[in-house]
Amino acid sequence: MSMPASPGLHADCRQVNDFLSVVGEKWTVIILITLRAAPLRFNEIRRSIDGISQQMLTRALKSLERDGMVTRTVHPTVPPQVEYALSGLGHSLARPVMELGAWAQGHLGEIEANRMRYDASRAR
């Protein structure tokens, strides 16, 4: 016999899922890692991340800024310089992201072996 779902659970799950879909984006994780050490200007971030387009970087930074993970500071220079930095919330997210990455690196061999075994069993 299954338990009835809590009335608030579905809304909470959707909100968490929405946020995790942002965090799960390939570029989001790389941007978080890139900004861990110090604030960077847009083009510094773009040069640091191989393969990211200007449009994708803009979109990802706006999303991270909207969620409060990244702060955007415009310096009054000519031309204006814009700098991006992780907020306190962004730093707190970067820690488990780095742990997840370390876990993945430590298990890549096992994961690849499982994939090969699975694919081989399906090819027959």
N, C-alpha and C. Protein backbone atom coordinates (compact mmCIF):
# COMPACT_ATOMS: atom_id res chain seq x y z
N MET A 1 0.85 -1.18 0.00
CA MET A 1 0.00 0.00 0.00
C MET A 1 0.89 1.23 0.00
N SER A 2 0.68 2.12 -0.94
CA SER A 2 1.53 3.30 -1.03
C SER A 2 0.94 4.43 -0.20
N MET A 3 1.84 5.28 0.27
CA MET A 3 1.43 6.43 1.08
C MET A 3 1.01 7.55 0.13
N PRO A 4 -0.03 8.32 0.51
CA PRO A 4 -0.41 9.46 -0.33
C PRO A 4 0.69 10.51 -0.30
N ALA A 5 0.88 11.16 -1.41
CA ALA A 5 1.91 12.20 -1.51
C ALA A 5 1.52 13.40 -0.68
N SER A 6 2.51 14.02 -0.10
CA SER A 6 2.28 15.24 0.67
C SER A 6 1.83 16.34 -0.30
N PRO A 7 0.80 17.14 0.06
CA PRO A 7 0.29 18.16 -0.86
C PRO A 7 1.37 19.15 -1.32
N GLY A 8 2.31 19.52 -0.45
CA GLY A 8 3.34 20.49 -0.82
C GLY A 8 4.51 19.87 -1.55
N LEU A 9 4.60 18.58 -1.55
CA LEU A 9 5.76 17.91 -2.13
C LEU A 9 5.93 18.18 -3.61
N HIS A 10 4.85 18.14 -4.35
CA HIS A 10 4.94 18.30 -5.80
C HIS A 10 5.47 19.67 -6.19
N ALA A 11 4.99 20.71 -5.55
CA ALA A 11 5.46 22.07 -5.85
C ALA A 11 6.93 22.20 -5.50
N ASP A 12 7.33 21.67 -4.34
CA ASP A 12 8.73 21.73 -3.94
C ASP A 12 9.62 20.96 -4.92
N CYS A 13 9.16 19.80 -5.32
CA CYS A 13 9.94 18.99 -6.27
C CYS A 13 10.11 19.73 -7.59
N ARG A 14 9.07 20.38 -8.05
CA ARG A 14 9.18 21.13 -9.31
C ARG A 14 10.19 22.26 -9.18
N GLN A 15 10.15 22.96 -8.06
CA GLN A 15 11.09 24.07 -7.85
C GLN A 15 12.53 23.56 -7.80
N VAL A 16 12.75 22.48 -7.06
CA VAL A 16 14.09 21.90 -6.98
C VAL A 16 14.52 21.41 -8.35
N ASN A 17 13.62 20.76 -9.07
CA ASN A 17 13.93 20.27 -10.41
C ASN A 17 14.30 21.41 -11.36
N ASP A 18 13.55 22.51 -11.28
CA ASP A 18 13.87 23.68 -12.12
C ASP A 18 15.28 24.17 -11.84
N PHE A 19 15.62 24.28 -10.56
CA PHE A 19 16.95 24.76 -10.20
C PHE A 19 18.02 23.75 -10.63
N LEU A 20 17.79 22.46 -10.39
CA LEU A 20 18.78 21.45 -10.75
C LEU A 20 19.00 21.38 -12.26
N SER A 21 17.97 21.72 -13.03
CA SER A 21 18.16 21.74 -14.49
C SER A 21 19.14 22.85 -14.88
N VAL A 22 19.13 23.96 -14.15
CA VAL A 22 20.10 25.03 -14.41
C VAL A 22 21.50 24.58 -14.00
N VAL A 23 21.61 24.01 -12.81
CA VAL A 23 22.91 23.56 -12.30
C VAL A 23 23.46 22.43 -13.15
N GLY A 24 22.56 21.60 -13.69
CA GLY A 24 23.00 20.47 -14.49
C GLY A 24 23.49 20.83 -15.88
N GLU A 25 23.32 22.06 -16.28
CA GLU A 25 23.83 22.49 -17.57
C GLU A 25 25.35 22.40 -17.59
N LYS A 26 25.89 21.88 -18.64
CA LYS A 26 27.33 21.70 -18.78
C LYS A 26 28.09 23.00 -18.52
N TRP A 27 27.64 24.09 -19.08
CA TRP A 27 28.39 25.34 -18.96
C TRP A 27 28.28 25.94 -17.56
N THR A 28 27.16 25.73 -16.90
CA THR A 28 26.97 26.27 -15.56
C THR A 28 28.05 25.75 -14.61
N VAL A 29 28.26 24.46 -14.64
CA VAL A 29 29.27 23.85 -13.77
C VAL A 29 30.65 24.40 -14.08
N ILE A 30 30.98 24.50 -15.34
CA ILE A 30 32.30 25.00 -15.73
C ILE A 30 32.47 26.46 -15.33
N ILE A 31 31.43 27.27 -15.46
CA ILE A 31 31.49 28.67 -15.05
C ILE A 31 31.70 28.77 -13.55
N LEU A 32 30.97 27.98 -12.77
CA LEU A 32 31.15 27.98 -11.32
C LEU A 32 32.59 27.67 -10.94
N ILE A 33 33.15 26.66 -11.58
CA ILE A 33 34.53 26.26 -11.29
C ILE A 33 35.51 27.36 -11.71
N THR A 34 35.25 27.97 -12.86
CA THR A 34 36.12 29.03 -13.37
C THR A 34 36.14 30.25 -12.45
N LEU A 35 35.00 30.59 -11.87
CA LEU A 35 34.91 31.79 -11.03
C LEU A 35 35.27 31.54 -9.57
N ARG A 36 35.60 30.30 -9.21
CA ARG A 36 35.91 29.99 -7.81
C ARG A 36 37.08 30.80 -7.28
N ALA A 37 38.11 30.97 -8.05
CA ALA A 37 39.34 31.60 -7.55
C ALA A 37 39.23 33.12 -7.44
N ALA A 38 38.62 33.75 -8.42
CA ALA A 38 38.59 35.22 -8.43
C ALA A 38 37.55 35.71 -9.43
N PRO A 39 37.10 36.96 -9.25
CA PRO A 39 36.20 37.56 -10.24
C PRO A 39 36.91 37.71 -11.58
N LEU A 40 36.14 37.60 -12.65
CA LEU A 40 36.70 37.72 -13.99
C LEU A 40 35.78 38.55 -14.87
N ARG A 41 36.37 39.17 -15.87
CA ARG A 41 35.58 39.88 -16.88
C ARG A 41 35.06 38.85 -17.89
N PHE A 42 34.04 39.27 -18.64
CA PHE A 42 33.36 38.39 -19.57
C PHE A 42 34.34 37.67 -20.50
N ASN A 43 35.21 38.44 -21.16
CA ASN A 43 36.13 37.82 -22.13
C ASN A 43 37.17 36.93 -21.45
N GLU A 44 37.51 37.22 -20.21
CA GLU A 44 38.42 36.33 -19.47
C GLU A 44 37.75 34.99 -19.22
N ILE A 45 36.47 35.04 -18.88
CA ILE A 45 35.72 33.79 -18.68
C ILE A 45 35.65 33.03 -19.99
N ARG A 46 35.31 33.72 -21.06
CA ARG A 46 35.17 33.07 -22.37
C ARG A 46 36.48 32.43 -22.82
N ARG A 47 37.59 33.12 -22.61
CA ARG A 47 38.89 32.53 -22.99
C ARG A 47 39.26 31.33 -22.12
N SER A 48 38.76 31.33 -20.90
CA SER A 48 39.07 30.23 -19.97
C SER A 48 38.27 28.96 -20.26
N ILE A 49 37.15 29.11 -20.94
CA ILE A 49 36.25 27.98 -21.17
C ILE A 49 36.26 27.64 -22.65
N ASP A 50 36.97 26.61 -22.99
CA ASP A 50 37.10 26.19 -24.38
C ASP A 50 35.76 25.72 -24.94
N GLY A 51 35.36 26.30 -26.06
CA GLY A 51 34.17 25.83 -26.77
C GLY A 51 32.88 26.55 -26.44
N ILE A 52 32.88 27.45 -25.48
CA ILE A 52 31.64 28.15 -25.16
C ILE A 52 31.47 29.36 -26.08
N SER A 53 30.27 29.53 -26.59
CA SER A 53 30.01 30.68 -27.46
C SER A 53 29.67 31.90 -26.61
N GLN A 54 29.78 33.06 -27.21
CA GLN A 54 29.44 34.29 -26.52
C GLN A 54 27.98 34.27 -26.08
N GLN A 55 27.11 33.80 -26.96
CA GLN A 55 25.68 33.73 -26.65
C GLN A 55 25.41 32.79 -25.48
N MET A 56 26.03 31.63 -25.48
CA MET A 56 25.81 30.66 -24.41
C MET A 56 26.36 31.17 -23.08
N LEU A 57 27.52 31.82 -23.11
CA LEU A 57 28.09 32.37 -21.89
C LEU A 57 27.18 33.46 -21.33
N THR A 58 26.69 34.33 -22.20
CA THR A 58 25.77 35.39 -21.78
C THR A 58 24.54 34.79 -21.12
N ARG A 59 23.95 33.80 -21.76
CA ARG A 59 22.74 33.15 -21.24
C ARG A 59 23.00 32.50 -19.88
N ALA A 60 24.12 31.79 -19.76
CA ALA A 60 24.43 31.09 -18.51
C ALA A 60 24.71 32.08 -17.38
N LEU A 61 25.45 33.15 -17.68
CA LEU A 61 25.74 34.15 -16.64
C LEU A 61 24.47 34.84 -16.17
N LYS A 62 23.56 35.15 -17.09
CA LYS A 62 22.29 35.78 -16.70
C LYS A 62 21.49 34.84 -15.80
N SER A 63 21.46 33.58 -16.14
CA SER A 63 20.73 32.60 -15.34
C SER A 63 21.35 32.49 -13.94
N LEU A 64 22.67 32.43 -13.88
CA LEU A 64 23.34 32.35 -12.58
C LEU A 64 23.15 33.62 -11.76
N GLU A 65 23.14 34.75 -12.44
CA GLU A 65 22.90 36.02 -11.75
C GLU A 65 21.47 36.06 -11.22
N ARG A 66 20.53 35.62 -12.01
CA ARG A 66 19.12 35.61 -11.60
C ARG A 66 18.92 34.76 -10.35
N ASP A 67 19.62 33.62 -10.27
CA ASP A 67 19.49 32.73 -9.12
C ASP A 67 20.33 33.18 -7.93
N GLY A 68 21.12 34.25 -8.11
CA GLY A 68 21.92 34.77 -7.01
C GLY A 68 23.24 34.05 -6.81
N MET A 69 23.67 33.28 -7.80
CA MET A 69 24.94 32.55 -7.69
C MET A 69 26.12 33.41 -8.11
N VAL A 70 25.85 34.36 -8.99
CA VAL A 70 26.89 35.22 -9.56
C VAL A 70 26.48 36.67 -9.38
N THR A 71 27.46 37.51 -9.07
CA THR A 71 27.21 38.95 -9.03
C THR A 71 27.86 39.58 -10.26
N ARG A 72 27.24 40.62 -10.73
CA ARG A 72 27.72 41.34 -11.92
C ARG A 72 28.00 42.77 -11.48
N THR A 73 29.26 43.20 -11.65
CA THR A 73 29.65 44.55 -11.25
C THR A 73 30.12 45.31 -12.48
N VAL A 74 29.53 46.48 -12.71
CA VAL A 74 29.94 47.33 -13.82
C VAL A 74 30.84 48.42 -13.25
N HIS A 75 32.08 48.46 -13.74
CA HIS A 75 33.04 49.47 -13.31
C HIS A 75 32.93 50.68 -14.23
N PRO A 76 32.88 51.89 -13.65
CA PRO A 76 32.69 53.11 -14.45
C PRO A 76 33.95 53.54 -15.18
N THR A 77 34.31 52.78 -16.19
CA THR A 77 35.46 53.10 -17.02
C THR A 77 34.97 53.31 -18.45
N VAL A 78 35.85 53.77 -19.31
CA VAL A 78 35.50 53.92 -20.73
C VAL A 78 36.41 53.01 -21.53
N PRO A 79 35.87 52.00 -22.17
CA PRO A 79 34.49 51.51 -22.09
C PRO A 79 34.25 50.85 -20.73
N PRO A 80 32.99 50.71 -20.33
CA PRO A 80 32.69 50.09 -19.04
C PRO A 80 33.23 48.66 -18.97
N GLN A 81 33.77 48.30 -17.83
CA GLN A 81 34.25 46.93 -17.62
C GLN A 81 33.24 46.23 -16.70
N VAL A 82 32.85 45.05 -17.11
CA VAL A 82 31.90 44.26 -16.33
C VAL A 82 32.64 43.06 -15.77
N GLU A 83 32.47 42.86 -14.49
CA GLU A 83 33.17 41.77 -13.81
C GLU A 83 32.13 40.84 -13.17
N TYR A 84 32.39 39.56 -13.26
CA TYR A 84 31.51 38.55 -12.68
C TYR A 84 32.24 37.83 -11.57
N ALA A 85 31.52 37.58 -10.48
CA ALA A 85 32.11 36.89 -9.33
C ALA A 85 31.06 35.96 -8.73
N LEU A 86 31.53 34.92 -8.07
CA LEU A 86 30.60 34.08 -7.33
C LEU A 86 30.15 34.82 -6.09
N SER A 87 28.88 34.72 -5.80
CA SER A 87 28.35 35.25 -4.54
C SER A 87 28.64 34.22 -3.45
N GLY A 88 28.27 34.54 -2.23
CA GLY A 88 28.40 33.55 -1.15
C GLY A 88 27.62 32.29 -1.47
N LEU A 89 26.43 32.47 -2.02
CA LEU A 89 25.60 31.34 -2.41
C LEU A 89 26.28 30.53 -3.52
N GLY A 90 26.89 31.23 -4.47
CA GLY A 90 27.61 30.55 -5.55
C GLY A 90 28.79 29.75 -5.04
N HIS A 91 29.54 30.32 -4.09
CA HIS A 91 30.66 29.57 -3.49
C HIS A 91 30.15 28.34 -2.76
N SER A 92 29.01 28.47 -2.07
CA SER A 92 28.49 27.31 -1.34
C SER A 92 28.03 26.22 -2.31
N LEU A 93 27.61 26.58 -3.51
CA LEU A 93 27.25 25.60 -4.53
C LEU A 93 28.50 25.00 -5.19
N ALA A 94 29.53 25.80 -5.35
CA ALA A 94 30.75 25.33 -6.01
C ALA A 94 31.39 24.17 -5.24
N ARG A 95 31.29 24.18 -3.92
CA ARG A 95 31.90 23.11 -3.12
C ARG A 95 31.32 21.74 -3.46
N PRO A 96 29.99 21.54 -3.38
CA PRO A 96 29.48 20.21 -3.73
C PRO A 96 29.65 19.87 -5.21
N VAL A 97 29.66 20.88 -6.07
CA VAL A 97 29.91 20.63 -7.49
C VAL A 97 31.32 20.06 -7.67
N MET A 98 32.29 20.63 -6.95
CA MET A 98 33.66 20.12 -7.03
C MET A 98 33.74 18.70 -6.46
N GLU A 99 33.01 18.44 -5.39
CA GLU A 99 32.99 17.09 -4.81
C GLU A 99 32.39 16.09 -5.79
N LEU A 100 31.32 16.49 -6.46
CA LEU A 100 30.70 15.61 -7.45
C LEU A 100 31.68 15.33 -8.60
N GLY A 101 32.38 16.37 -9.04
CA GLY A 101 33.38 16.18 -10.09
C GLY A 101 34.49 15.24 -9.66
N ALA A 102 34.95 15.37 -8.41
CA ALA A 102 35.99 14.48 -7.90
C ALA A 102 35.47 13.04 -7.83
N TRP A 103 34.21 12.88 -7.40
CA TRP A 103 33.62 11.55 -7.36
C TRP A 103 33.60 10.95 -8.76
N ALA A 104 33.15 11.76 -9.74
CA ALA A 104 33.07 11.26 -11.13
C ALA A 104 34.45 10.85 -11.64
N GLN A 105 35.45 11.67 -11.39
CA GLN A 105 36.81 11.33 -11.84
C GLN A 105 37.29 10.03 -11.19
N GLY A 106 36.97 9.85 -9.93
CA GLY A 106 37.40 8.65 -9.23
C GLY A 106 36.69 7.38 -9.68
N HIS A 107 35.57 7.52 -10.35
CA HIS A 107 34.79 6.36 -10.77
C HIS A 107 34.66 6.23 -12.29
N LEU A 108 35.39 7.03 -13.04
CA LEU A 108 35.26 6.98 -14.51
C LEU A 108 35.55 5.60 -15.08
N GLY A 109 36.57 4.94 -14.59
CA GLY A 109 36.90 3.61 -15.08
C GLY A 109 35.77 2.62 -14.87
N GLU A 110 35.22 2.64 -13.68
CA GLU A 110 34.11 1.74 -13.34
C GLU A 110 32.87 2.06 -14.18
N ILE A 111 32.59 3.33 -14.35
CA ILE A 111 31.43 3.75 -15.15
C ILE A 111 31.60 3.31 -16.60
N GLU A 112 32.78 3.55 -17.14
CA GLU A 112 33.04 3.16 -18.54
C GLU A 112 32.94 1.65 -18.71
N ALA A 113 33.46 0.88 -17.76
CA ALA A 113 33.36 -0.58 -17.83
C ALA A 113 31.90 -1.02 -17.79
N ASN A 114 31.11 -0.40 -16.96
CA ASN A 114 29.68 -0.73 -16.89
C ASN A 114 28.97 -0.39 -18.19
N ARG A 115 29.31 0.73 -18.77
CA ARG A 115 28.69 1.12 -20.05
C ARG A 115 29.04 0.12 -21.14
N MET A 116 30.30 -0.26 -21.20
CA MET A 116 30.73 -1.22 -22.22
C MET A 116 30.03 -2.56 -22.03
N ARG A 117 29.93 -3.02 -20.78
CA ARG A 117 29.27 -4.29 -20.49
C ARG A 117 27.78 -4.20 -20.87
N TYR A 118 27.14 -3.12 -20.54
CA TYR A 118 25.73 -2.91 -20.87
C TYR A 118 25.53 -2.89 -22.38
N ASP A 119 26.34 -2.09 -23.08
CA ASP A 119 26.21 -2.00 -24.54
C ASP A 119 26.45 -3.34 -25.22
N ALA A 120 27.44 -4.08 -24.72
CA ALA A 120 27.74 -5.40 -25.30
C ALA A 120 26.57 -6.36 -25.09
N SER A 121 25.93 -6.28 -23.94
CA SER A 121 24.80 -7.19 -23.67
C SER A 121 23.59 -6.84 -24.53
N ARG A 122 23.47 -5.60 -24.96
CA ARG A 122 22.34 -5.17 -25.80
C ARG A 122 22.61 -5.42 -27.28
N ALA A 123 23.86 -5.60 -27.65
CA ALA A 123 24.22 -5.77 -29.06
C ALA A 123 23.95 -7.19 -29.55
N ARG A 124 23.74 -8.09 -28.65
CA ARG A 124 23.54 -9.49 -29.06
C ARG A 124 22.18 -9.75 -29.61
